[in-house]
Amino acid sequence: MHCPYCKNEDTKVLDSRVADDGGSIRRRRSCSACDRRFSTVEKMQLTVLKRSGATEPFNRDKAIAGVRKACKGRPVTDAQLACLGQDVEDALRLSGQAEFDANEVGLAILAPLRALDEVAYLRFASVYRAFDSVEAFEDEIAMLRLERATDGPSETSAQSG
């Protein structure tokens, strides 16, 4: 680690603490050349294993871009998409793994997207799960209706009745 003050390469770790519920490590360091102290935060680099076999760093913006297409024309704000992206990244980090299949990233997106907007969820799921028939859509809609019925009346059904 280079000292941010004098750029010396010889620094010593004085203290290490787990931060962000285990998602990062905060280190207090001292420079042996200028004797100044500074802190660093180290985060685990999440990587995504693509279907092609290549790996690339997890990119929250790339995940949000795919969801944004599903949300086109829906009442979903950029702030809500940013929160969804953060939720997905947090869920991946909390798993304790460093590498994920692209499929696992998609699965991590589905639940928060369903809570955000059911139509956008259906659009995303239809591509992600490769629905190949009307029946596949109907099955997914039936599952959403069943879940809604077991959760009790929603605001939407209360307003329409």
N, C-alpha and C. Protein backbone atom coordinates (compact mmCIF):
# COMPACT_ATOMS: atom_id res chain seq x y z
N MET A 1 0.85 -1.18 0.00
CA MET A 1 0.00 0.00 0.00
C MET A 1 0.89 1.23 0.00
N HIS A 2 0.63 2.14 -0.93
CA HIS A 2 1.38 3.39 -1.00
C HIS A 2 0.81 4.40 -0.02
N CYS A 3 1.69 5.17 0.61
CA CYS A 3 1.26 6.26 1.49
C CYS A 3 0.64 7.35 0.63
N PRO A 4 -0.56 7.84 0.97
CA PRO A 4 -1.19 8.88 0.16
C PRO A 4 -0.50 10.24 0.30
N TYR A 5 0.37 10.39 1.31
CA TYR A 5 1.05 11.67 1.54
C TYR A 5 2.39 11.74 0.83
N CYS A 6 3.23 10.72 1.02
CA CYS A 6 4.60 10.77 0.46
C CYS A 6 4.84 9.71 -0.62
N LYS A 7 3.86 8.88 -0.89
CA LYS A 7 3.92 7.82 -1.91
C LYS A 7 4.90 6.71 -1.59
N ASN A 8 5.38 6.64 -0.36
CA ASN A 8 6.28 5.57 0.05
C ASN A 8 5.52 4.24 0.01
N GLU A 9 6.21 3.17 -0.39
CA GLU A 9 5.56 1.86 -0.51
C GLU A 9 5.57 1.07 0.80
N ASP A 10 6.34 1.51 1.77
CA ASP A 10 6.48 0.76 3.01
C ASP A 10 5.53 1.31 4.08
N THR A 11 4.38 0.68 4.21
CA THR A 11 3.42 1.08 5.24
C THR A 11 3.13 -0.13 6.12
N LYS A 12 2.72 0.16 7.34
CA LYS A 12 2.48 -0.89 8.32
C LYS A 12 1.02 -0.82 8.79
N VAL A 13 0.39 -1.99 8.92
CA VAL A 13 -0.99 -2.06 9.43
C VAL A 13 -0.94 -2.00 10.95
N LEU A 14 -1.65 -1.01 11.52
CA LEU A 14 -1.72 -0.86 12.97
C LEU A 14 -2.94 -1.57 13.56
N ASP A 15 -4.04 -1.55 12.81
CA ASP A 15 -5.29 -2.11 13.32
C ASP A 15 -6.17 -2.50 12.14
N SER A 16 -6.89 -3.61 12.27
CA SER A 16 -7.85 -4.05 11.24
C SER A 16 -9.18 -4.34 11.91
N ARG A 17 -10.25 -3.87 11.27
CA ARG A 17 -11.59 -4.12 11.79
C ARG A 17 -12.53 -4.46 10.65
N VAL A 18 -13.43 -5.37 10.93
CA VAL A 18 -14.47 -5.72 9.96
C VAL A 18 -15.50 -4.60 9.96
N ALA A 19 -15.91 -4.19 8.78
CA ALA A 19 -16.90 -3.12 8.65
C ALA A 19 -18.01 -3.58 7.71
N ASP A 20 -19.08 -2.82 7.65
CA ASP A 20 -20.20 -3.10 6.75
C ASP A 20 -20.71 -4.52 6.86
N ASP A 21 -20.92 -4.99 8.07
CA ASP A 21 -21.44 -6.34 8.29
C ASP A 21 -20.62 -7.42 7.59
N GLY A 22 -19.33 -7.23 7.59
CA GLY A 22 -18.44 -8.23 7.00
C GLY A 22 -18.15 -8.01 5.53
N GLY A 23 -18.71 -6.98 4.94
CA GLY A 23 -18.50 -6.71 3.52
C GLY A 23 -17.19 -6.02 3.21
N SER A 24 -16.53 -5.50 4.22
CA SER A 24 -15.26 -4.82 3.99
C SER A 24 -14.41 -4.87 5.25
N ILE A 25 -13.14 -4.52 5.09
CA ILE A 25 -12.20 -4.45 6.21
C ILE A 25 -11.60 -3.07 6.24
N ARG A 26 -11.67 -2.43 7.39
CA ARG A 26 -11.07 -1.10 7.58
C ARG A 26 -9.73 -1.30 8.26
N ARG A 27 -8.68 -0.75 7.65
CA ARG A 27 -7.33 -0.88 8.21
C ARG A 27 -6.77 0.50 8.53
N ARG A 28 -6.20 0.62 9.71
CA ARG A 28 -5.48 1.83 10.10
C ARG A 28 -4.01 1.55 9.81
N ARG A 29 -3.36 2.43 9.06
CA ARG A 29 -1.98 2.21 8.63
C ARG A 29 -1.09 3.37 9.03
N SER A 30 0.21 3.07 9.05
CA SER A 30 1.22 4.08 9.37
C SER A 30 2.32 3.99 8.32
N CYS A 31 2.79 5.15 7.86
CA CYS A 31 3.87 5.20 6.88
C CYS A 31 5.20 5.22 7.62
N SER A 32 6.13 4.36 7.22
CA SER A 32 7.44 4.30 7.88
C SER A 32 8.34 5.47 7.47
N ALA A 33 8.05 6.15 6.36
CA ALA A 33 8.88 7.27 5.91
C ALA A 33 8.46 8.60 6.53
N CYS A 34 7.17 8.93 6.48
CA CYS A 34 6.72 10.24 6.97
C CYS A 34 5.99 10.16 8.31
N ASP A 35 5.78 8.96 8.84
CA ASP A 35 5.11 8.71 10.12
C ASP A 35 3.66 9.19 10.18
N ARG A 36 3.06 9.47 9.04
CA ARG A 36 1.65 9.87 9.04
C ARG A 36 0.78 8.63 9.02
N ARG A 37 -0.43 8.79 9.52
CA ARG A 37 -1.37 7.67 9.59
C ARG A 37 -2.53 7.92 8.64
N PHE A 38 -3.06 6.84 8.14
CA PHE A 38 -4.21 6.92 7.24
C PHE A 38 -4.99 5.61 7.32
N SER A 39 -6.22 5.66 6.84
CA SER A 39 -7.09 4.48 6.86
C SER A 39 -7.38 4.03 5.43
N THR A 40 -7.55 2.73 5.29
CA THR A 40 -7.98 2.16 4.01
C THR A 40 -9.19 1.28 4.27
N VAL A 41 -10.00 1.14 3.25
CA VAL A 41 -11.15 0.24 3.31
C VAL A 41 -11.00 -0.74 2.15
N GLU A 42 -10.98 -2.01 2.47
CA GLU A 42 -10.82 -3.04 1.46
C GLU A 42 -12.15 -3.79 1.31
N LYS A 43 -12.64 -3.85 0.08
CA LYS A 43 -13.87 -4.57 -0.21
C LYS A 43 -13.56 -5.77 -1.08
N MET A 44 -14.33 -6.82 -0.87
CA MET A 44 -14.19 -8.00 -1.71
C MET A 44 -14.66 -7.65 -3.12
N GLN A 45 -13.85 -7.99 -4.12
CA GLN A 45 -14.23 -7.76 -5.51
C GLN A 45 -15.17 -8.86 -5.96
N LEU A 46 -16.38 -8.50 -6.31
CA LEU A 46 -17.34 -9.47 -6.81
C LEU A 46 -17.09 -9.67 -8.30
N THR A 47 -17.09 -10.92 -8.73
CA THR A 47 -16.91 -11.20 -10.15
C THR A 47 -18.08 -12.04 -10.65
N VAL A 48 -18.37 -11.88 -11.94
CA VAL A 48 -19.46 -12.59 -12.58
C VAL A 48 -18.89 -13.52 -13.63
N LEU A 49 -19.28 -14.78 -13.55
CA LEU A 49 -18.88 -15.79 -14.52
C LEU A 49 -19.94 -15.81 -15.62
N LYS A 50 -19.56 -15.37 -16.80
CA LYS A 50 -20.49 -15.29 -17.92
C LYS A 50 -20.73 -16.67 -18.52
N ARG A 51 -21.77 -16.78 -19.31
CA ARG A 51 -22.08 -18.06 -19.97
C ARG A 51 -20.95 -18.51 -20.89
N SER A 52 -20.21 -17.55 -21.45
CA SER A 52 -19.11 -17.86 -22.36
C SER A 52 -17.90 -18.43 -21.62
N GLY A 53 -17.91 -18.36 -20.28
CA GLY A 53 -16.78 -18.82 -19.49
C GLY A 53 -15.87 -17.70 -19.04
N ALA A 54 -16.04 -16.51 -19.61
CA ALA A 54 -15.24 -15.35 -19.21
C ALA A 54 -15.74 -14.82 -17.87
N THR A 55 -14.84 -14.17 -17.13
CA THR A 55 -15.25 -13.52 -15.89
C THR A 55 -15.03 -12.02 -16.04
N GLU A 56 -15.85 -11.26 -15.33
CA GLU A 56 -15.71 -9.82 -15.31
C GLU A 56 -16.16 -9.31 -13.96
N PRO A 57 -15.68 -8.14 -13.54
CA PRO A 57 -16.11 -7.59 -12.25
C PRO A 57 -17.61 -7.30 -12.28
N PHE A 58 -18.27 -7.53 -11.14
CA PHE A 58 -19.68 -7.18 -11.03
C PHE A 58 -19.83 -5.68 -11.22
N ASN A 59 -20.79 -5.29 -12.04
CA ASN A 59 -21.04 -3.88 -12.31
C ASN A 59 -22.51 -3.60 -12.03
N ARG A 60 -22.74 -2.87 -10.97
CA ARG A 60 -24.12 -2.57 -10.56
C ARG A 60 -24.87 -1.83 -11.66
N ASP A 61 -24.19 -0.89 -12.33
CA ASP A 61 -24.83 -0.13 -13.39
C ASP A 61 -25.27 -1.03 -14.55
N LYS A 62 -24.48 -2.05 -14.84
CA LYS A 62 -24.84 -2.98 -15.91
C LYS A 62 -26.08 -3.79 -15.52
N ALA A 63 -26.15 -4.19 -14.26
CA ALA A 63 -27.33 -4.92 -13.78
C ALA A 63 -28.57 -4.03 -13.84
N ILE A 64 -28.42 -2.78 -13.45
CA ILE A 64 -29.54 -1.84 -13.47
C ILE A 64 -29.99 -1.57 -14.91
N ALA A 65 -29.05 -1.53 -15.84
CA ALA A 65 -29.39 -1.26 -17.24
C ALA A 65 -30.35 -2.31 -17.78
N GLY A 66 -30.12 -3.57 -17.43
CA GLY A 66 -31.03 -4.63 -17.86
C GLY A 66 -32.41 -4.48 -17.24
N VAL A 67 -32.45 -4.08 -15.99
CA VAL A 67 -33.73 -3.89 -15.30
C VAL A 67 -34.44 -2.66 -15.85
N ARG A 68 -33.66 -1.62 -16.20
CA ARG A 68 -34.26 -0.38 -16.72
C ARG A 68 -35.08 -0.67 -17.98
N LYS A 69 -34.59 -1.58 -18.83
CA LYS A 69 -35.34 -1.95 -20.05
C LYS A 69 -36.68 -2.55 -19.69
N ALA A 70 -36.71 -3.40 -18.66
CA ALA A 70 -37.96 -4.02 -18.23
C ALA A 70 -38.91 -2.99 -17.62
N CYS A 71 -38.36 -1.90 -17.10
CA CYS A 71 -39.16 -0.87 -16.42
C CYS A 71 -39.62 0.24 -17.37
N LYS A 72 -39.24 0.15 -18.63
CA LYS A 72 -39.60 1.20 -19.59
C LYS A 72 -41.12 1.39 -19.63
N GLY A 73 -41.54 2.64 -19.44
CA GLY A 73 -42.96 2.96 -19.45
C GLY A 73 -43.67 2.68 -18.13
N ARG A 74 -42.96 2.20 -17.14
CA ARG A 74 -43.54 1.89 -15.83
C ARG A 74 -43.21 3.03 -14.86
N PRO A 75 -44.00 3.19 -13.80
CA PRO A 75 -43.76 4.26 -12.83
C PRO A 75 -42.64 3.91 -11.84
N VAL A 76 -41.44 3.71 -12.37
CA VAL A 76 -40.27 3.35 -11.57
C VAL A 76 -39.22 4.45 -11.77
N THR A 77 -38.74 5.01 -10.68
CA THR A 77 -37.79 6.12 -10.76
C THR A 77 -36.34 5.61 -10.78
N ASP A 78 -35.45 6.50 -11.20
CA ASP A 78 -34.02 6.16 -11.17
C ASP A 78 -33.56 5.88 -9.75
N ALA A 79 -34.12 6.60 -8.79
CA ALA A 79 -33.74 6.38 -7.39
C ALA A 79 -34.15 4.97 -6.94
N GLN A 80 -35.33 4.53 -7.36
CA GLN A 80 -35.77 3.18 -7.01
C GLN A 80 -34.87 2.12 -7.67
N LEU A 81 -34.45 2.38 -8.90
CA LEU A 81 -33.54 1.45 -9.59
C LEU A 81 -32.18 1.42 -8.90
N ALA A 82 -31.72 2.58 -8.43
CA ALA A 82 -30.45 2.63 -7.71
C ALA A 82 -30.54 1.82 -6.42
N CYS A 83 -31.66 1.94 -5.72
CA CYS A 83 -31.86 1.15 -4.49
C CYS A 83 -31.91 -0.34 -4.80
N LEU A 84 -32.58 -0.70 -5.89
CA LEU A 84 -32.64 -2.10 -6.29
C LEU A 84 -31.23 -2.62 -6.58
N GLY A 85 -30.44 -1.83 -7.29
CA GLY A 85 -29.06 -2.23 -7.59
C GLY A 85 -28.25 -2.43 -6.33
N GLN A 86 -28.43 -1.54 -5.36
CA GLN A 86 -27.72 -1.66 -4.09
C GLN A 86 -28.17 -2.91 -3.34
N ASP A 87 -29.48 -3.17 -3.35
CA ASP A 87 -30.01 -4.36 -2.69
C ASP A 87 -29.44 -5.64 -3.29
N VAL A 88 -29.35 -5.67 -4.62
CA VAL A 88 -28.80 -6.84 -5.30
C VAL A 88 -27.34 -7.03 -4.93
N GLU A 89 -26.57 -5.95 -4.97
CA GLU A 89 -25.14 -6.05 -4.62
C GLU A 89 -24.98 -6.48 -3.16
N ASP A 90 -25.78 -5.90 -2.27
CA ASP A 90 -25.71 -6.27 -0.85
C ASP A 90 -26.02 -7.76 -0.65
N ALA A 91 -27.04 -8.25 -1.35
CA ALA A 91 -27.40 -9.66 -1.23
C ALA A 91 -26.26 -10.56 -1.71
N LEU A 92 -25.63 -10.17 -2.80
CA LEU A 92 -24.50 -10.96 -3.31
C LEU A 92 -23.34 -10.93 -2.31
N ARG A 93 -23.03 -9.77 -1.76
CA ARG A 93 -21.93 -9.66 -0.80
C ARG A 93 -22.21 -10.47 0.47
N LEU A 94 -23.45 -10.42 0.93
CA LEU A 94 -23.80 -11.13 2.17
C LEU A 94 -23.73 -12.65 2.02
N SER A 95 -23.75 -13.12 0.80
CA SER A 95 -23.64 -14.56 0.57
C SER A 95 -22.25 -15.07 0.95
N GLY A 96 -21.27 -14.17 0.97
CA GLY A 96 -19.91 -14.56 1.32
C GLY A 96 -19.10 -15.09 0.14
N GLN A 97 -19.72 -15.22 -1.01
CA GLN A 97 -19.01 -15.67 -2.20
C GLN A 97 -18.39 -14.47 -2.90
N ALA A 98 -17.34 -14.73 -3.69
CA ALA A 98 -16.71 -13.67 -4.46
C ALA A 98 -17.07 -13.78 -5.94
N GLU A 99 -17.46 -14.99 -6.39
CA GLU A 99 -17.76 -15.19 -7.80
C GLU A 99 -19.16 -15.77 -7.95
N PHE A 100 -19.89 -15.25 -8.95
CA PHE A 100 -21.27 -15.66 -9.18
C PHE A 100 -21.47 -15.95 -10.65
N ASP A 101 -22.30 -16.96 -10.94
CA ASP A 101 -22.75 -17.16 -12.31
C ASP A 101 -23.66 -16.00 -12.67
N ALA A 102 -23.71 -15.66 -13.94
CA ALA A 102 -24.62 -14.61 -14.40
C ALA A 102 -26.05 -14.97 -14.01
N ASN A 103 -26.36 -16.26 -14.00
CA ASN A 103 -27.69 -16.74 -13.61
C ASN A 103 -28.01 -16.36 -12.17
N GLU A 104 -27.04 -16.45 -11.27
CA GLU A 104 -27.27 -16.11 -9.87
C GLU A 104 -27.54 -14.62 -9.70
N VAL A 105 -26.89 -13.79 -10.51
CA VAL A 105 -27.14 -12.35 -10.46
C VAL A 105 -28.59 -12.08 -10.88
N GLY A 106 -29.02 -12.75 -11.94
CA GLY A 106 -30.41 -12.60 -12.38
C GLY A 106 -31.41 -13.02 -11.32
N LEU A 107 -31.12 -14.13 -10.64
CA LEU A 107 -32.00 -14.58 -9.56
C LEU A 107 -32.06 -13.56 -8.43
N ALA A 108 -30.92 -12.93 -8.14
CA ALA A 108 -30.87 -11.92 -7.08
C ALA A 108 -31.68 -10.68 -7.46
N ILE A 109 -31.86 -10.44 -8.75
CA ILE A 109 -32.63 -9.29 -9.22
C ILE A 109 -34.13 -9.55 -9.13
N LEU A 110 -34.56 -10.78 -9.36
CA LEU A 110 -35.99 -11.07 -9.50
C LEU A 110 -36.84 -10.68 -8.29
N ALA A 111 -36.43 -11.05 -7.09
CA ALA A 111 -37.27 -10.77 -5.91
C ALA A 111 -37.45 -9.28 -5.65
N PRO A 112 -36.37 -8.47 -5.61
CA PRO A 112 -36.61 -7.04 -5.37
C PRO A 112 -37.36 -6.36 -6.51
N LEU A 113 -37.19 -6.86 -7.74
CA LEU A 113 -37.92 -6.27 -8.86
C LEU A 113 -39.41 -6.59 -8.75
N ARG A 114 -39.74 -7.81 -8.33
CA ARG A 114 -41.15 -8.18 -8.15
C ARG A 114 -41.81 -7.28 -7.11
N ALA A 115 -41.08 -6.97 -6.03
CA ALA A 115 -41.63 -6.09 -5.00
C ALA A 115 -41.78 -4.65 -5.52
N LEU A 116 -40.93 -4.26 -6.44
CA LEU A 116 -40.95 -2.90 -6.97
C LEU A 116 -42.08 -2.70 -7.99
N ASP A 117 -42.18 -3.62 -8.96
CA ASP A 117 -43.19 -3.46 -10.01
C ASP A 117 -43.43 -4.83 -10.66
N GLU A 118 -44.64 -5.34 -10.53
CA GLU A 118 -44.95 -6.68 -11.02
C GLU A 118 -44.88 -6.78 -12.55
N VAL A 119 -45.26 -5.72 -13.25
CA VAL A 119 -45.21 -5.77 -14.71
C VAL A 119 -43.76 -5.81 -15.18
N ALA A 120 -42.92 -4.97 -14.58
CA ALA A 120 -41.49 -4.98 -14.93
C ALA A 120 -40.88 -6.33 -14.57
N TYR A 121 -41.33 -6.89 -13.45
CA TYR A 121 -40.86 -8.22 -13.06
C TYR A 121 -41.20 -9.25 -14.13
N LEU A 122 -42.44 -9.23 -14.62
CA LEU A 122 -42.85 -10.19 -15.65
C LEU A 122 -42.04 -10.01 -16.94
N ARG A 123 -41.78 -8.76 -17.30
CA ARG A 123 -40.97 -8.51 -18.49
C ARG A 123 -39.56 -9.08 -18.32
N PHE A 124 -38.95 -8.77 -17.17
CA PHE A 124 -37.58 -9.22 -16.91
C PHE A 124 -37.54 -10.75 -16.82
N ALA A 125 -38.50 -11.33 -16.10
CA ALA A 125 -38.53 -12.78 -15.93
C ALA A 125 -38.77 -13.49 -17.26
N SER A 126 -39.56 -12.88 -18.14
CA SER A 126 -39.85 -13.53 -19.42
C SER A 126 -38.58 -13.67 -20.26
N VAL A 127 -37.70 -12.69 -20.19
CA VAL A 127 -36.44 -12.77 -20.92
C VAL A 127 -35.45 -13.62 -20.14
N TYR A 128 -35.35 -13.36 -18.86
CA TYR A 128 -34.36 -14.05 -18.03
C TYR A 128 -34.63 -15.55 -17.96
N ARG A 129 -35.88 -15.90 -17.76
CA ARG A 129 -36.25 -17.32 -17.67
C ARG A 129 -36.60 -17.91 -19.02
N ALA A 130 -36.54 -17.08 -20.07
CA ALA A 130 -36.80 -17.51 -21.45
C ALA A 130 -38.16 -18.18 -21.58
N PHE A 131 -39.22 -17.44 -21.18
CA PHE A 131 -40.57 -17.96 -21.37
C PHE A 131 -40.73 -18.25 -22.86
N ASP A 132 -41.23 -19.42 -23.17
CA ASP A 132 -41.35 -19.80 -24.58
C ASP A 132 -42.80 -20.01 -25.02
N SER A 133 -43.74 -19.66 -24.13
CA SER A 133 -45.14 -19.85 -24.50
C SER A 133 -46.02 -18.93 -23.66
N VAL A 134 -47.25 -18.79 -24.14
CA VAL A 134 -48.24 -18.01 -23.40
C VAL A 134 -48.51 -18.69 -22.05
N GLU A 135 -48.46 -20.01 -22.04
CA GLU A 135 -48.72 -20.76 -20.81
C GLU A 135 -47.69 -20.43 -19.74
N ALA A 136 -46.45 -20.21 -20.15
CA ALA A 136 -45.41 -19.86 -19.18
C ALA A 136 -45.74 -18.51 -18.52
N PHE A 137 -46.22 -17.56 -19.33
CA PHE A 137 -46.66 -16.28 -18.77
C PHE A 137 -47.84 -16.48 -17.83
N GLU A 138 -48.80 -17.26 -18.28
CA GLU A 138 -49.99 -17.50 -17.46
C GLU A 138 -49.63 -18.15 -16.12
N ASP A 139 -48.69 -19.09 -16.15
CA ASP A 139 -48.26 -19.75 -14.91
C ASP A 139 -47.63 -18.75 -13.95
N GLU A 140 -46.80 -17.87 -14.48
CA GLU A 140 -46.14 -16.87 -13.64
C GLU A 140 -47.17 -15.89 -13.07
N ILE A 141 -48.12 -15.46 -13.88
CA ILE A 141 -49.17 -14.55 -13.42
C ILE A 141 -50.03 -15.24 -12.36
N ALA A 142 -50.34 -16.51 -12.57
CA ALA A 142 -51.13 -17.27 -11.59
C ALA A 142 -50.39 -17.33 -10.26
N MET A 143 -49.06 -17.52 -10.31
CA MET A 143 -48.27 -17.56 -9.08
C MET A 143 -48.31 -16.20 -8.36
N LEU A 144 -48.21 -15.11 -9.13
CA LEU A 144 -48.28 -13.77 -8.53
C LEU A 144 -49.65 -13.54 -7.88
N ARG A 145 -50.70 -13.97 -8.56
CA ARG A 145 -52.06 -13.81 -8.00
C ARG A 145 -52.24 -14.63 -6.73
N LEU A 146 -51.70 -15.83 -6.74
CA LEU A 146 -51.80 -16.70 -5.57
C LEU A 146 -51.06 -16.07 -4.38
N GLU A 147 -49.87 -15.56 -4.63
CA GLU A 147 -49.11 -14.90 -3.56
C GLU A 147 -49.85 -13.68 -3.05
N ARG A 148 -50.43 -12.91 -3.94
CA ARG A 148 -51.17 -11.72 -3.53
C ARG A 148 -52.39 -12.11 -2.70
N ALA A 149 -53.06 -13.19 -3.08
CA ALA A 149 -54.25 -13.64 -2.35
C ALA A 149 -53.89 -14.13 -0.95
N THR A 150 -52.76 -14.79 -0.81
CA THR A 150 -52.35 -15.28 0.51
C THR A 150 -51.83 -14.17 1.40
N ASP A 151 -51.37 -13.05 0.78
CA ASP A 151 -50.89 -11.91 1.56
C ASP A 151 -52.03 -11.01 2.00
N GLY A 152 -53.22 -11.25 1.50
CA GLY A 152 -54.37 -10.41 1.84
C GLY A 152 -54.61 -9.41 0.73
N PRO A 153 -55.69 -8.63 0.84
CA PRO A 153 -56.01 -7.68 -0.22
C PRO A 153 -54.95 -6.59 -0.31
N SER A 154 -54.56 -6.30 -1.53
CA SER A 154 -53.57 -5.23 -1.74
C SER A 154 -54.30 -3.91 -1.93
N GLU A 155 -53.54 -2.81 -1.95
CA GLU A 155 -54.14 -1.50 -2.15
C GLU A 155 -54.82 -1.42 -3.52
N THR A 156 -54.20 -2.06 -4.53
CA THR A 156 -54.74 -2.01 -5.87
C THR A 156 -56.12 -2.66 -5.93
N SER A 157 -56.26 -3.85 -5.34
CA SER A 157 -57.55 -4.53 -5.40
C SER A 157 -58.58 -3.84 -4.50
N ALA A 158 -58.15 -3.19 -3.45
CA ALA A 158 -59.07 -2.46 -2.57
C ALA A 158 -59.60 -1.22 -3.28
N GLN A 159 -58.75 -0.58 -4.13
CA GLN A 159 -59.18 0.61 -4.84
C GLN A 159 -60.11 0.29 -6.00
N SER A 160 -59.90 -0.87 -6.63
CA SER A 160 -60.70 -1.20 -7.80
C SER A 160 -62.06 -1.76 -7.42
N GLY A 161 -62.26 -2.09 -6.16
CA GLY A 161 -63.51 -2.72 -5.75
C GLY A 161 -64.41 -1.80 -5.12
